[in-house]
PDB file of N, CA and C in Angstrom:
ATOM      1  N   MET A   1      -2.216  12.372 -46.422  1.00  0.00           N
ATOM      2  CA  MET A   1      -2.540  12.577 -47.903  1.00  0.00           C
ATOM      3  C   MET A   1      -2.101  13.962 -48.187  1.00  0.00           C
ATOM      4  N   LYS A   2      -1.190  14.037 -49.326  1.00  0.00           N
ATOM      5  CA  LYS A   2      -0.770  15.342 -49.860  1.00  0.00           C
ATOM      6  C   LYS A   2      -1.792  15.912 -50.702  1.00  0.00           C
ATOM      7  N   LYS A   3      -1.771  17.369 -50.739  1.00  0.00           N
ATOM      8  CA  LYS A   3      -2.744  18.103 -51.606  1.00  0.00           C
ATOM      9  C   LYS A   3      -1.934  18.830 -52.712  1.00  0.00           C
ATOM     10  N   VAL A   4      -2.427  18.623 -53.946  1.00  0.00           N
ATOM     11  CA  VAL A   4      -1.917  19.292 -55.095  1.00  0.00           C
ATOM     12  C   VAL A   4      -2.929  20.098 -55.778  1.00  0.00           C
ATOM     13  N   LEU A   5      -2.642  21.322 -55.998  1.00  0.00           N
ATOM     14  CA  LEU A   5      -3.498  22.281 -56.821  1.00  0.00           C
ATOM     15  C   LEU A   5      -2.976  22.206 -58.189  1.00  0.00           C
ATOM     16  N   LEU A   6      -3.830  21.787 -59.113  1.00  0.00           N
ATOM     17  CA  LEU A   6      -3.566  21.707 -60.483  1.00  0.00           C
ATOM     18  C   LEU A   6      -4.285  22.850 -61.273  1.00  0.00           C
ATOM     19  N   VAL A   7      -3.413  23.594 -61.940  1.00  0.00           N
ATOM     20  CA  VAL A   7      -3.963  24.693 -62.763  1.00  0.00           C
ATOM     21  C   VAL A   7      -3.635  24.422 -64.197  1.00  0.00           C
ATOM     22  N   GLU A   8      -4.677  23.995 -64.924  1.00  0.00           N
ATOM     23  CA  GLU A   8      -4.548  23.488 -66.218  1.00  0.00           C
ATOM     24  C   GLU A   8      -5.891  23.841 -66.914  1.00  0.00           C
ATOM     25  N   ASP A   9      -5.879  24.333 -68.159  1.00  0.00           N
ATOM     26  CA  ASP A   9      -7.061  24.565 -68.788  1.00  0.00           C
ATOM     27  C   ASP A   9      -7.501  23.540 -69.742  1.00  0.00           C
ATOM     28  N   ASP A  10      -6.727  22.381 -69.905  1.00  0.00           N
ATOM     29  CA  ASP A  10      -7.143  21.281 -70.801  1.00  0.00           C
ATOM     30  C   ASP A  10      -7.685  20.213 -69.827  1.00  0.00           C
ATOM     31  N   VAL A  11      -8.954  20.021 -69.974  1.00  0.00           N
ATOM     32  CA  VAL A  11      -9.726  19.096 -69.147  1.00  0.00           C
ATOM     33  C   VAL A  11      -9.223  17.691 -69.282  1.00  0.00           C
ATOM     34  N   VAL A  12      -8.758  17.239 -70.404  1.00  0.00           N
ATOM     35  CA  VAL A  12      -8.227  15.908 -70.554  1.00  0.00           C
ATOM     36  C   VAL A  12      -6.984  15.823 -69.704  1.00  0.00           C
ATOM     37  N   LEU A  13      -6.110  16.766 -69.674  1.00  0.00           N
ATOM     38  CA  LEU A  13      -4.943  16.714 -68.844  1.00  0.00           C
ATOM     39  C   LEU A  13      -5.296  16.688 -67.341  1.00  0.00           C
ATOM     40  N   HIS A  14      -6.318  17.390 -66.976  1.00  0.00           N
ATOM     41  CA  HIS A  14      -6.845  17.355 -65.597  1.00  0.00           C
ATOM     42  C   HIS A  14      -7.044  15.908 -65.259  1.00  0.00           C
ATOM     43  N   ASP A  15      -7.774  15.172 -66.035  1.00  0.00           N
ATOM     44  CA  ASP A  15      -8.186  13.828 -65.749  1.00  0.00           C
ATOM     45  C   ASP A  15      -6.915  12.905 -65.718  1.00  0.00           C
ATOM     46  N   LEU A  16      -5.986  13.120 -66.667  1.00  0.00           N
ATOM     47  CA  LEU A  16      -4.800  12.287 -66.724  1.00  0.00           C
ATOM     48  C   LEU A  16      -3.845  12.540 -65.465  1.00  0.00           C
ATOM     49  N   TYR A  17      -3.716  13.700 -65.146  1.00  0.00           N
ATOM     50  CA  TYR A  17      -2.944  13.989 -63.939  1.00  0.00           C
ATOM     51  C   TYR A  17      -3.601  13.439 -62.733  1.00  0.00           C
ATOM     52  N   LYS A  18      -4.858  13.738 -62.500  1.00  0.00           N
ATOM     53  CA  LYS A  18      -5.602  13.145 -61.241  1.00  0.00           C
ATOM     54  C   LYS A  18      -5.486  11.648 -61.320  1.00  0.00           C
ATOM     55  N   GLU A  19      -5.713  10.920 -62.462  1.00  0.00           N
ATOM     56  CA  GLU A  19      -5.647   9.471 -62.448  1.00  0.00           C
ATOM     57  C   GLU A  19      -4.251   9.032 -62.106  1.00  0.00           C
ATOM     58  N   ALA A  20      -3.233   9.697 -62.547  1.00  0.00           N
ATOM     59  CA  ALA A  20      -1.768   9.326 -62.273  1.00  0.00           C
ATOM     60  C   ALA A  20      -1.374   9.531 -60.882  1.00  0.00           C
ATOM     61  N   LEU A  21      -1.924  10.704 -60.199  1.00  0.00           N
ATOM     62  CA  LEU A  21      -1.476  10.989 -58.829  1.00  0.00           C
ATOM     63  C   LEU A  21      -2.218  10.420 -57.792  1.00  0.00           C
ATOM     64  N   THR A  22      -3.480  10.272 -57.958  1.00  0.00           N
ATOM     65  CA  THR A  22      -4.473   9.726 -56.848  1.00  0.00           C
ATOM     66  C   THR A  22      -4.049   8.378 -56.229  1.00  0.00           C
ATOM     67  N   PRO A  23      -3.586   7.470 -57.048  1.00  0.00           N
ATOM     68  CA  PRO A  23      -3.006   6.204 -56.356  1.00  0.00           C
ATOM     69  C   PRO A  23      -1.834   6.364 -55.426  1.00  0.00           C
ATOM     70  N   HIS A  24      -1.180   7.518 -55.629  1.00  0.00           N
ATOM     71  CA  HIS A  24      -0.036   7.746 -54.621  1.00  0.00           C
ATOM     72  C   HIS A  24      -0.353   8.642 -53.411  1.00  0.00           C
ATOM     73  N   ASP A  25      -1.691   8.484 -52.967  1.00  0.00           N
ATOM     74  CA  ASP A  25      -2.187   9.239 -51.864  1.00  0.00           C
ATOM     75  C   ASP A  25      -1.995  10.699 -52.022  1.00  0.00           C
ATOM     76  N   ILE A  26      -2.354  11.198 -53.181  1.00  0.00           N
ATOM     77  CA  ILE A  26      -2.172  12.660 -53.448  1.00  0.00           C
ATOM     78  C   ILE A  26      -3.666  13.063 -53.967  1.00  0.00           C
ATOM     79  N   THR A  27      -4.099  14.018 -53.185  1.00  0.00           N
ATOM     80  CA  THR A  27      -5.525  14.653 -53.602  1.00  0.00           C
ATOM     81  C   THR A  27      -5.248  15.755 -54.545  1.00  0.00           C
ATOM     82  N   VAL A  28      -5.896  15.721 -55.766  1.00  0.00           N
ATOM     83  CA  VAL A  28      -5.739  16.842 -56.768  1.00  0.00           C
ATOM     84  C   VAL A  28      -7.008  17.744 -56.830  1.00  0.00           C
ATOM     85  N   THR A  29      -6.859  18.930 -56.583  1.00  0.00           N
ATOM     86  CA  THR A  29      -7.883  19.913 -56.939  1.00  0.00           C
ATOM     87  C   THR A  29      -7.484  20.650 -58.235  1.00  0.00           C
ATOM     88  N   ALA A  30      -8.371  20.633 -59.076  1.00  0.00           N
ATOM     89  CA  ALA A  30      -8.126  21.219 -60.448  1.00  0.00           C
ATOM     90  C   ALA A  30      -8.940  22.482 -60.693  1.00  0.00           C
ATOM     91  N   VAL A  31      -8.120  23.471 -61.086  1.00  0.00           N
ATOM     92  CA  VAL A  31      -8.872  24.724 -61.638  1.00  0.00           C
ATOM     93  C   VAL A  31      -8.302  25.111 -62.962  1.00  0.00           C
ATOM     94  N   THR A  32      -8.888  26.128 -63.580  1.00  0.00           N
ATOM     95  CA  THR A  32      -8.580  26.394 -65.008  1.00  0.00           C
ATOM     96  C   THR A  32      -7.992  27.819 -65.113  1.00  0.00           C
ATOM     97  N   THR A  33      -8.043  28.678 -64.242  1.00  0.00           N
ATOM     98  CA  THR A  33      -7.555  30.003 -64.447  1.00  0.00           C
ATOM     99  C   THR A  33      -6.610  30.383 -63.208  1.00  0.00           C
ATOM    100  N   GLY A  34      -5.778  31.395 -63.636  1.00  0.00           N
ATOM    101  CA  GLY A  34      -4.978  31.971 -62.458  1.00  0.00           C
ATOM    102  C   GLY A  34      -5.661  32.397 -61.294  1.00  0.00           C
ATOM    103  N   LYS A  35      -6.771  33.156 -61.499  1.00  0.00           N
ATOM    104  CA  LYS A  35      -7.560  33.788 -60.286  1.00  0.00           C
ATOM    105  C   LYS A  35      -8.022  32.654 -59.507  1.00  0.00           C
ATOM    106  N   GLU A  36      -8.598  31.624 -60.142  1.00  0.00           N
ATOM    107  CA  GLU A  36      -9.115  30.447 -59.236  1.00  0.00           C
ATOM    108  C   GLU A  36      -7.925  29.730 -58.525  1.00  0.00           C
ATOM    109  N   CYS A  37      -6.822  29.729 -59.153  1.00  0.00           N
ATOM    110  CA  CYS A  37      -5.571  29.183 -58.447  1.00  0.00           C
ATOM    111  C   CYS A  37      -5.238  29.869 -57.154  1.00  0.00           C
ATOM    112  N   ILE A  38      -5.099  31.226 -57.309  1.00  0.00           N
ATOM    113  CA  ILE A  38      -4.758  32.112 -56.166  1.00  0.00           C
ATOM    114  C   ILE A  38      -5.844  31.930 -55.148  1.00  0.00           C
ATOM    115  N   ALA A  39      -7.144  32.034 -55.470  1.00  0.00           N
ATOM    116  CA  ALA A  39      -8.149  31.867 -54.437  1.00  0.00           C
ATOM    117  C   ALA A  39      -8.077  30.530 -53.708  1.00  0.00           C
ATOM    118  N   SER A  40      -7.985  29.374 -54.455  1.00  0.00           N
ATOM    119  CA  SER A  40      -7.912  28.125 -53.951  1.00  0.00           C
ATOM    120  C   SER A  40      -6.620  27.863 -53.129  1.00  0.00           C
ATOM    121  N   ALA A  41      -5.561  28.432 -53.536  1.00  0.00           N
ATOM    122  CA  ALA A  41      -4.251  28.340 -52.770  1.00  0.00           C
ATOM    123  C   ALA A  41      -4.328  28.901 -51.535  1.00  0.00           C
ATOM    124  N   LEU A  42      -4.873  30.207 -51.394  1.00  0.00           N
ATOM    125  CA  LEU A  42      -5.096  30.825 -50.180  1.00  0.00           C
ATOM    126  C   LEU A  42      -6.138  30.158 -49.244  1.00  0.00           C
ATOM    127  N   THR A  43      -7.084  29.465 -49.806  1.00  0.00           N
ATOM    128  CA  THR A  43      -8.154  28.913 -48.949  1.00  0.00           C
ATOM    129  C   THR A  43      -7.758  27.487 -48.542  1.00  0.00           C
ATOM    130  N   ASN A  44      -7.130  26.642 -49.382  1.00  0.00           N
ATOM    131  CA  ASN A  44      -7.014  25.318 -49.196  1.00  0.00           C
ATOM    132  C   ASN A  44      -5.509  24.981 -48.863  1.00  0.00           C
ATOM    133  N   ALA A  45      -4.526  25.828 -48.843  1.00  0.00           N
ATOM    134  CA  ALA A  45      -3.065  25.579 -48.546  1.00  0.00           C
ATOM    135  C   ALA A  45      -2.631  24.287 -49.160  1.00  0.00           C
ATOM    136  N   PRO A  46      -2.439  24.210 -50.575  1.00  0.00           N
ATOM    137  CA  PRO A  46      -1.986  22.995 -51.013  1.00  0.00           C
ATOM    138  C   PRO A  46      -0.496  22.739 -50.737  1.00  0.00           C
ATOM    139  N   ASP A  47      -0.049  21.463 -50.840  1.00  0.00           N
ATOM    140  CA  ASP A  47       1.315  21.167 -50.527  1.00  0.00           C
ATOM    141  C   ASP A  47       2.205  21.468 -51.756  1.00  0.00           C
ATOM    142  N   LEU A  48       1.555  21.508 -52.968  1.00  0.00           N
ATOM    143  CA  LEU A  48       2.271  21.780 -54.275  1.00  0.00           C
ATOM    144  C   LEU A  48       1.301  22.403 -55.309  1.00  0.00           C
ATOM    145  N   VAL A  49       1.715  23.259 -56.088  1.00  0.00           N
ATOM    146  CA  VAL A  49       0.889  23.802 -57.201  1.00  0.00           C
ATOM    147  C   VAL A  49       1.512  23.373 -58.454  1.00  0.00           C
ATOM    148  N   MET A  50       0.819  22.700 -59.262  1.00  0.00           N
ATOM    149  CA  MET A  50       1.217  22.325 -60.606  1.00  0.00           C
ATOM    150  C   MET A  50       0.550  23.343 -61.571  1.00  0.00           C
ATOM    151  N   LEU A  51       1.313  24.042 -62.375  1.00  0.00           N
ATOM    152  CA  LEU A  51       0.913  25.182 -62.983  1.00  0.00           C
ATOM    153  C   LEU A  51       1.239  25.241 -64.444  1.00  0.00           C
ATOM    154  N   ASP A  52       0.270  25.429 -65.340  1.00  0.00           N
ATOM    155  CA  ASP A  52       0.512  25.593 -66.843  1.00  0.00           C
ATOM    156  C   ASP A  52       0.836  27.158 -66.924  1.00  0.00           C
ATOM    157  N   ILE A  53       1.569  27.435 -67.997  1.00  0.00           N
ATOM    158  CA  ILE A  53       1.909  28.850 -68.314  1.00  0.00           C
ATOM    159  C   ILE A  53       0.678  29.546 -69.075  1.00  0.00           C
ATOM    160  N   MET A  54       0.230  28.893 -70.118  1.00  0.00           N
ATOM    161  CA  MET A  54      -0.843  29.455 -71.020  1.00  0.00           C
ATOM    162  C   MET A  54      -2.196  29.191 -70.371  1.00  0.00           C
ATOM    163  N   LEU A  55      -2.733  30.199 -69.807  1.00  0.00           N
ATOM    164  CA  LEU A  55      -4.131  30.066 -69.031  1.00  0.00           C
ATOM    165  C   LEU A  55      -5.080  31.098 -69.572  1.00  0.00           C
ATOM    166  N   PRO A  56      -6.347  30.816 -69.536  1.00  0.00           N
ATOM    167  CA  PRO A  56      -7.375  31.773 -69.928  1.00  0.00           C
ATOM    168  C   PRO A  56      -7.565  32.784 -68.681  1.00  0.00           C
ATOM    169  N   GLY A  57      -8.189  33.793 -69.036  1.00  0.00           N
ATOM    170  CA  GLY A  57      -8.694  34.687 -67.829  1.00  0.00           C
ATOM    171  C   GLY A  57      -7.800  35.788 -67.645  1.00  0.00           C
ATOM    172  N   GLY A  58      -6.736  36.134 -68.394  1.00  0.00           N
ATOM    173  CA  GLY A  58      -5.943  37.290 -68.265  1.00  0.00           C
ATOM    174  C   GLY A  58      -4.637  37.182 -67.387  1.00  0.00           C
ATOM    175  N   MET A  59      -4.348  36.113 -66.733  1.00  0.00           N
ATOM    176  CA  MET A  59      -3.267  35.799 -65.991  1.00  0.00           C
ATOM    177  C   MET A  59      -2.531  34.576 -66.543  1.00  0.00           C
ATOM    178  N   ASN A  60      -1.236  34.715 -66.876  1.00  0.00           N
ATOM    179  CA  ASN A  60      -0.560  33.509 -67.167  1.00  0.00           C
ATOM    180  C   ASN A  60       0.134  32.767 -66.008  1.00  0.00           C
ATOM    181  N   GLY A  61       0.753  31.681 -66.223  1.00  0.00           N
ATOM    182  CA  GLY A  61       1.291  30.979 -65.069  1.00  0.00           C
ATOM    183  C   GLY A  61       2.365  31.814 -64.317  1.00  0.00           C
ATOM    184  N   PHE A  62       3.205  32.561 -65.101  1.00  0.00           N
ATOM    185  CA  PHE A  62       4.190  33.245 -64.302  1.00  0.00           C
ATOM    186  C   PHE A  62       3.613  34.366 -63.501  1.00  0.00           C
ATOM    187  N   ASP A  63       2.525  34.909 -63.984  1.00  0.00           N
ATOM    188  CA  ASP A  63       1.808  35.971 -63.195  1.00  0.00           C
ATOM    189  C   ASP A  63       1.331  35.312 -61.830  1.00  0.00           C
ATOM    190  N   VAL A  64       0.735  34.160 -61.973  1.00  0.00           N
ATOM    191  CA  VAL A  64       0.210  33.347 -60.931  1.00  0.00           C
ATOM    192  C   VAL A  64       1.349  33.033 -59.910  1.00  0.00           C
ATOM    193  N   ALA A  65       2.476  32.525 -60.479  1.00  0.00           N
ATOM    194  CA  ALA A  65       3.571  32.236 -59.631  1.00  0.00           C
ATOM    195  C   ALA A  65       4.127  33.422 -58.815  1.00  0.00           C
ATOM    196  N   ARG A  66       4.198  34.517 -59.552  1.00  0.00           N
ATOM    197  CA  ARG A  66       4.733  35.740 -58.855  1.00  0.00           C
ATOM    198  C   ARG A  66       3.823  36.158 -57.736  1.00  0.00           C
ATOM    199  N   GLU A  67       2.472  36.122 -58.035  1.00  0.00           N
ATOM    200  CA  GLU A  67       1.500  36.397 -56.836  1.00  0.00           C
ATOM    201  C   GLU A  67       1.559  35.500 -55.660  1.00  0.00           C
ATOM    202  N   LEU A  68       1.798  34.198 -55.953  1.00  0.00           N
ATOM    203  CA  LEU A  68       1.921  33.107 -54.922  1.00  0.00           C
ATOM    204  C   LEU A  68       3.128  33.331 -54.080  1.00  0.00           C
ATOM    205  N   ARG A  69       4.241  33.730 -54.763  1.00  0.00           N
ATOM    206  CA  ARG A  69       5.485  34.078 -54.077  1.00  0.00           C
ATOM    207  C   ARG A  69       5.350  35.252 -53.164  1.00  0.00           C
ATOM    208  N   GLN A  70       4.571  36.258 -53.610  1.00  0.00           N
ATOM    209  CA  GLN A  70       4.516  37.418 -52.844  1.00  0.00           C
ATOM    210  C   GLN A  70       3.639  37.369 -51.703  1.00  0.00           C
ATOM    211  N   ASN A  71       2.725  36.379 -51.573  1.00  0.00           N
ATOM    212  CA  ASN A  71       1.856  36.336 -50.452  1.00  0.00           C
ATOM    213  C   ASN A  71       2.405  35.381 -49.345  1.00  0.00           C
ATOM    214  N   PRO A  72       2.484  35.829 -48.124  1.00  0.00           N
ATOM    215  CA  PRO A  72       3.190  35.168 -47.102  1.00  0.00           C
ATOM    216  C   PRO A  72       2.454  33.771 -46.842  1.00  0.00           C
ATOM    217  N   LYS A  73       1.241  33.521 -47.170  1.00  0.00           N
ATOM    218  CA  LYS A  73       0.477  32.255 -47.072  1.00  0.00           C
ATOM    219  C   LYS A  73       1.068  31.218 -47.950  1.00  0.00           C
ATOM    220  N   THR A  74       1.418  31.706 -49.255  1.00  0.00           N
ATOM    221  CA  THR A  74       1.795  30.697 -50.215  1.00  0.00           C
ATOM    222  C   THR A  74       3.268  30.907 -50.634  1.00  0.00           C
ATOM    223  N   SER A  75       4.079  31.841 -49.974  1.00  0.00           N
ATOM    224  CA  SER A  75       5.364  32.107 -50.550  1.00  0.00           C
ATOM    225  C   SER A  75       6.332  30.863 -50.615  1.00  0.00           C
ATOM    226  N   ALA A  76       6.092  29.892 -49.676  1.00  0.00           N
ATOM    227  CA  ALA A  76       6.991  28.681 -49.610  1.00  0.00           C
ATOM    228  C   ALA A  76       6.384  27.484 -50.298  1.00  0.00           C
ATOM    229  N   THR A  77       5.257  27.515 -50.826  1.00  0.00           N
ATOM    230  CA  THR A  77       4.540  26.519 -51.530  1.00  0.00           C
ATOM    231  C   THR A  77       5.326  26.061 -52.929  1.00  0.00           C
ATOM    232  N   PRO A  78       5.735  24.890 -52.923  1.00  0.00           N
ATOM    233  CA  PRO A  78       6.467  24.472 -54.056  1.00  0.00           C
ATOM    234  C   PRO A  78       5.595  24.599 -55.314  1.00  0.00           C
ATOM    235  N   ILE A  79       6.195  25.049 -56.508  1.00  0.00           N
ATOM    236  CA  ILE A  79       5.477  25.151 -57.709  1.00  0.00           C
ATOM    237  C   ILE A  79       6.231  24.339 -58.783  1.00  0.00           C
ATOM    238  N   LEU A  80       5.426  23.585 -59.424  1.00  0.00           N
ATOM    239  CA  LEU A  80       5.961  22.870 -60.644  1.00  0.00           C
ATOM    240  C   LEU A  80       5.302  23.350 -61.820  1.00  0.00           C
ATOM    241  N   ILE A  81       6.052  24.070 -62.779  1.00  0.00           N
ATOM    242  CA  ILE A  81       5.400  24.542 -63.991  1.00  0.00           C
ATOM    243  C   ILE A  81       5.496  23.477 -65.073  1.00  0.00           C
ATOM    244  N   LEU A  82       4.384  23.107 -65.613  1.00  0.00           N
ATOM    245  CA  LEU A  82       4.276  22.156 -66.644  1.00  0.00           C
ATOM    246  C   LEU A  82       3.848  22.860 -67.958  1.00  0.00           C
ATOM    247  N   THR A  83       4.548  22.890 -69.022  1.00  0.00           N
ATOM    248  CA  THR A  83       4.238  23.638 -70.158  1.00  0.00           C
ATOM    249  C   THR A  83       4.701  22.935 -71.496  1.00  0.00           C
ATOM    250  N   ASN A  84       4.152  23.432 -72.565  1.00  0.00           N
ATOM    251  CA  ASN A  84       4.792  22.910 -73.821  1.00  0.00           C
ATOM    252  C   ASN A  84       5.770  23.903 -74.326  1.00  0.00           C
ATOM    253  N   LEU A  85       5.914  24.933 -73.653  1.00  0.00           N
ATOM    254  CA  LEU A  85       6.903  26.012 -74.052  1.00  0.00           C
ATOM    255  C   LEU A  85       8.315  25.555 -73.567  1.00  0.00           C
ATOM    256  N   ASP A  86       9.228  25.256 -74.353  1.00  0.00           N
ATOM    257  CA  ASP A  86      10.509  24.809 -73.946  1.00  0.00           C
ATOM    258  C   ASP A  86      11.547  25.920 -73.755  1.00  0.00           C
ATOM    259  N   SER A  87      11.134  27.193 -73.859  1.00  0.00           N
ATOM    260  CA  SER A  87      12.013  28.272 -73.777  1.00  0.00           C
ATOM    261  C   SER A  87      11.802  29.154 -72.585  1.00  0.00           C
ATOM    262  N   GLU A  88      11.188  28.546 -71.559  1.00  0.00           N
ATOM    263  CA  GLU A  88      10.821  29.432 -70.478  1.00  0.00           C
ATOM    264  C   GLU A  88      11.484  28.983 -69.067  1.00  0.00           C
ATOM    265  N   LYS A  89      12.598  28.230 -69.123  1.00  0.00           N
ATOM    266  CA  LYS A  89      13.163  27.773 -67.894  1.00  0.00           C
ATOM    267  C   LYS A  89      13.716  28.933 -67.132  1.00  0.00           C
ATOM    268  N   ALA A  90      14.383  29.956 -67.721  1.00  0.00           N
ATOM    269  CA  ALA A  90      14.794  31.063 -66.960  1.00  0.00           C
ATOM    270  C   ALA A  90      13.661  31.865 -66.218  1.00  0.00           C
ATOM    271  N   SER A  91      12.561  31.996 -66.946  1.00  0.00           N
ATOM    272  CA  SER A  91      11.310  32.590 -66.253  1.00  0.00           C
ATOM    273  C   SER A  91      10.862  31.792 -65.119  1.00  0.00           C
ATOM    274  N   ALA A  92      10.945  30.457 -65.132  1.00  0.00           N
ATOM    275  CA  ALA A  92      10.489  29.549 -64.046  1.00  0.00           C
ATOM    276  C   ALA A  92      11.539  29.745 -62.893  1.00  0.00           C
ATOM    277  N   ASP A  93      12.890  29.757 -63.174  1.00  0.00           N
ATOM    278  CA  ASP A  93      13.892  29.959 -62.185  1.00  0.00           C
ATOM    279  C   ASP A  93      13.544  31.164 -61.521  1.00  0.00           C
ATOM    280  N   ALA A  94      13.253  32.232 -62.209  1.00  0.00           N
ATOM    281  CA  ALA A  94      13.047  33.578 -61.568  1.00  0.00           C
ATOM    282  C   ALA A  94      11.912  33.616 -60.534  1.00  0.00           C
ATOM    283  N   VAL A  95      10.990  32.719 -60.643  1.00  0.00           N
ATOM    284  CA  VAL A  95       9.868  32.644 -59.597  1.00  0.00           C
ATOM    285  C   VAL A  95      10.052  31.431 -58.713  1.00  0.00           C
ATOM    286  N   LYS A  96      11.322  30.929 -58.735  1.00  0.00           N
ATOM    287  CA  LYS A  96      11.702  29.800 -57.832  1.00  0.00           C
ATOM    288  C   LYS A  96      10.703  28.598 -58.009  1.00  0.00           C
ATOM    289  N   ALA A  97      10.424  28.192 -59.257  1.00  0.00           N
ATOM    290  CA  ALA A  97       9.650  27.035 -59.746  1.00  0.00           C
ATOM    291  C   ALA A  97      10.392  26.018 -60.347  1.00  0.00           C
ATOM    292  N   GLU A  98      10.036  24.791 -60.188  1.00  0.00           N
ATOM    293  CA  GLU A  98      10.605  23.660 -60.985  1.00  0.00           C
ATOM    294  C   GLU A  98       9.843  23.821 -62.418  1.00  0.00           C
ATOM    295  N   TYR A  99      10.516  23.194 -63.378  1.00  0.00           N
ATOM    296  CA  TYR A  99      10.011  23.352 -64.685  1.00  0.00           C
ATOM    297  C   TYR A  99      10.098  21.994 -65.513  1.00  0.00           C
ATOM    298  N   MET A 100       9.130  21.631 -66.222  1.00  0.00           N
ATOM    299  CA  MET A 100       9.052  20.465 -66.969  1.00  0.00           C
ATOM    300  C   MET A 100       8.284  20.852 -68.361  1.00  0.00           C
ATOM    301  N   VAL A 101       8.744  20.291 -69.426  1.00  0.00           N
ATOM    302  CA  VAL A 101       8.138  20.472 -70.752  1.00  0.00           C
ATOM    303  C   VAL A 101       7.236  19.247 -70.958  1.00  0.00           C
ATOM    304  N   LYS A 102       5.997  19.449 -71.011  1.00  0.00           N
ATOM    305  CA  LYS A 102       5.012  18.395 -71.194  1.00  0.00           C
ATOM    306  C   LYS A 102       5.307  17.376 -72.263  1.00  0.00           C
ATOM    307  N   THR A 103       5.715  17.924 -73.394  1.00  0.00           N
ATOM    308  CA  THR A 103       5.887  17.017 -74.621  1.00  0.00           C
ATOM    309  C   THR A 103       7.177  16.274 -74.442  1.00  0.00           C
ATOM    310  N   ASN A 104       8.028  16.615 -73.587  1.00  0.00           N
ATOM    311  CA  ASN A 104       9.268  15.827 -73.579  1.00  0.00           C
ATOM    312  C   ASN A 104       9.368  15.053 -72.234  1.00  0.00           C
ATOM    313  N   THR A 105       8.207  14.925 -71.497  1.00  0.00           N
ATOM    314  CA  THR A 105       8.256  14.243 -70.295  1.00  0.00           C
ATOM    315  C   THR A 105       7.087  13.286 -70.076  1.00  0.00           C
ATOM    316  N   SER A 106       7.411  12.070 -69.727  1.00  0.00           N
ATOM    317  CA  SER A 106       6.458  11.015 -69.478  1.00  0.00           C
ATOM    318  C   SER A 106       5.571  11.299 -68.276  1.00  0.00           C
ATOM    319  N   MET A 107       4.446  10.645 -68.162  1.00  0.00           N
ATOM    320  CA  MET A 107       3.649  10.869 -66.990  1.00  0.00           C
ATOM    321  C   MET A 107       4.305  10.166 -65.693  1.00  0.00           C
ATOM    322  N   ASP A 108       5.098   9.151 -65.923  1.00  0.00           N
ATOM    323  CA  ASP A 108       5.888   8.563 -64.794  1.00  0.00           C
ATOM    324  C   ASP A 108       6.924   9.508 -64.336  1.00  0.00           C
ATOM    325  N   GLU A 109       7.481  10.204 -65.174  1.00  0.00           N
ATOM    326  CA  GLU A 109       8.458  11.333 -64.713  1.00  0.00           C
ATOM    327  C   GLU A 109       7.846  12.505 -63.967  1.00  0.00           C
ATOM    328  N   ILE A 110       6.690  12.900 -64.440  1.00  0.00           N
ATOM    329  CA  ILE A 110       5.918  13.848 -63.802  1.00  0.00           C
ATOM    330  C   ILE A 110       5.412  13.370 -62.387  1.00  0.00           C
ATOM    331  N   VAL A 111       5.031  12.242 -62.398  1.00  0.00           N
ATOM    332  CA  VAL A 111       4.586  11.713 -61.055  1.00  0.00           C
ATOM    333  C   VAL A 111       5.833  11.627 -60.092  1.00  0.00           C
ATOM    334  N   GLY A 112       6.889  11.142 -60.623  1.00  0.00           N
ATOM    335  CA  GLY A 112       8.056  11.056 -59.838  1.00  0.00           C
ATOM    336  C   GLY A 112       8.586  12.396 -59.254  1.00  0.00           C
ATOM    337  N   LYS A 113       8.517  13.455 -60.148  1.00  0.00           N
ATOM    338  CA  LYS A 113       8.869  14.865 -59.775  1.00  0.00           C
ATOM    339  C   LYS A 113       7.905  15.386 -58.743  1.00  0.00           C
ATOM    340  N   VAL A 114       6.668  15.129 -58.833  1.00  0.00           N
ATOM    341  CA  VAL A 114       5.737  15.515 -57.785  1.00  0.00           C
ATOM    342  C   VAL A 114       5.986  14.905 -56.527  1.00  0.00           C
ATOM    343  N   LYS A 115       6.142  13.610 -56.560  1.00  0.00           N
ATOM    344  CA  LYS A 115       6.463  12.869 -55.201  1.00  0.00           C
ATOM    345  C   LYS A 115       7.767  13.427 -54.684  1.00  0.00           C
ATOM    346  N   SER A 116       8.728  13.608 -55.394  1.00  0.00           N
ATOM    347  CA  SER A 116      10.007  14.193 -54.928  1.00  0.00           C
ATOM    348  C   SER A 116       9.715  15.617 -54.310  1.00  0.00           C
ATOM    349  N   MET A 117       9.068  16.435 -54.998  1.00  0.00           N
ATOM    350  CA  MET A 117       8.798  17.689 -54.431  1.00  0.00           C
ATOM    351  C   MET A 117       8.010  17.758 -53.151  1.00  0.00           C
ATOM    352  N   LEU A 118       7.118  16.633 -53.087  1.00  0.00           N
ATOM    353  CA  LEU A 118       6.441  16.544 -51.881  1.00  0.00           C
ATOM    354  C   LEU A 118       7.020  15.641 -50.812  1.00  0.00           C
ATOM    355  N   ASN A 119       8.339  15.403 -50.997  1.00  0.00           N
ATOM    356  CA  ASN A 119       9.150  14.522 -50.063  1.00  0.00           C
ATOM    357  C   ASN A 119       8.498  13.176 -49.852  1.00  0.00           C
ATOM    358  N   MET A 120       7.930  12.648 -50.924  1.00  0.00           N
ATOM    359  CA  MET A 120       7.318  11.288 -50.823  1.00  0.00           C
ATOM    360  C   MET A 120       8.108  10.211 -51.486  1.00  0.00           C
ATOM    361  N   ALA A 121       9.202  10.508 -52.325  1.00  0.00           N
ATOM    362  CA  ALA A 121       9.902   9.665 -53.088  1.00  0.00           C
ATOM    363  C   ALA A 121      10.842   8.734 -52.234  1.00  0.00           C
TER     364      ALA A 121
END
């Protein structure tokens, strides 16, 4: 079973992503802030981090991605940035993260991307 750490402040999206990924033998742990993400990633060693850019608590998704990349425990963990901001691809590339715009992407496409990044496709 693969482990995904979902960082999303929209509780409805938490549920939608969990519902879509769980049937594919993917366990989803959901947190809402960047600080929670970093703590969970260091403790639970997820196989993938799904990360929103706009987060509460003082850290945005790119801040989180940079911290994950700088820590030896999480530096190689794949990151998928899911956002409604369609102008941030270069910033995602800078932190070596995949990038998808939520409003332009179906749930099936997101599941496919997650499975591909987890080498499950």
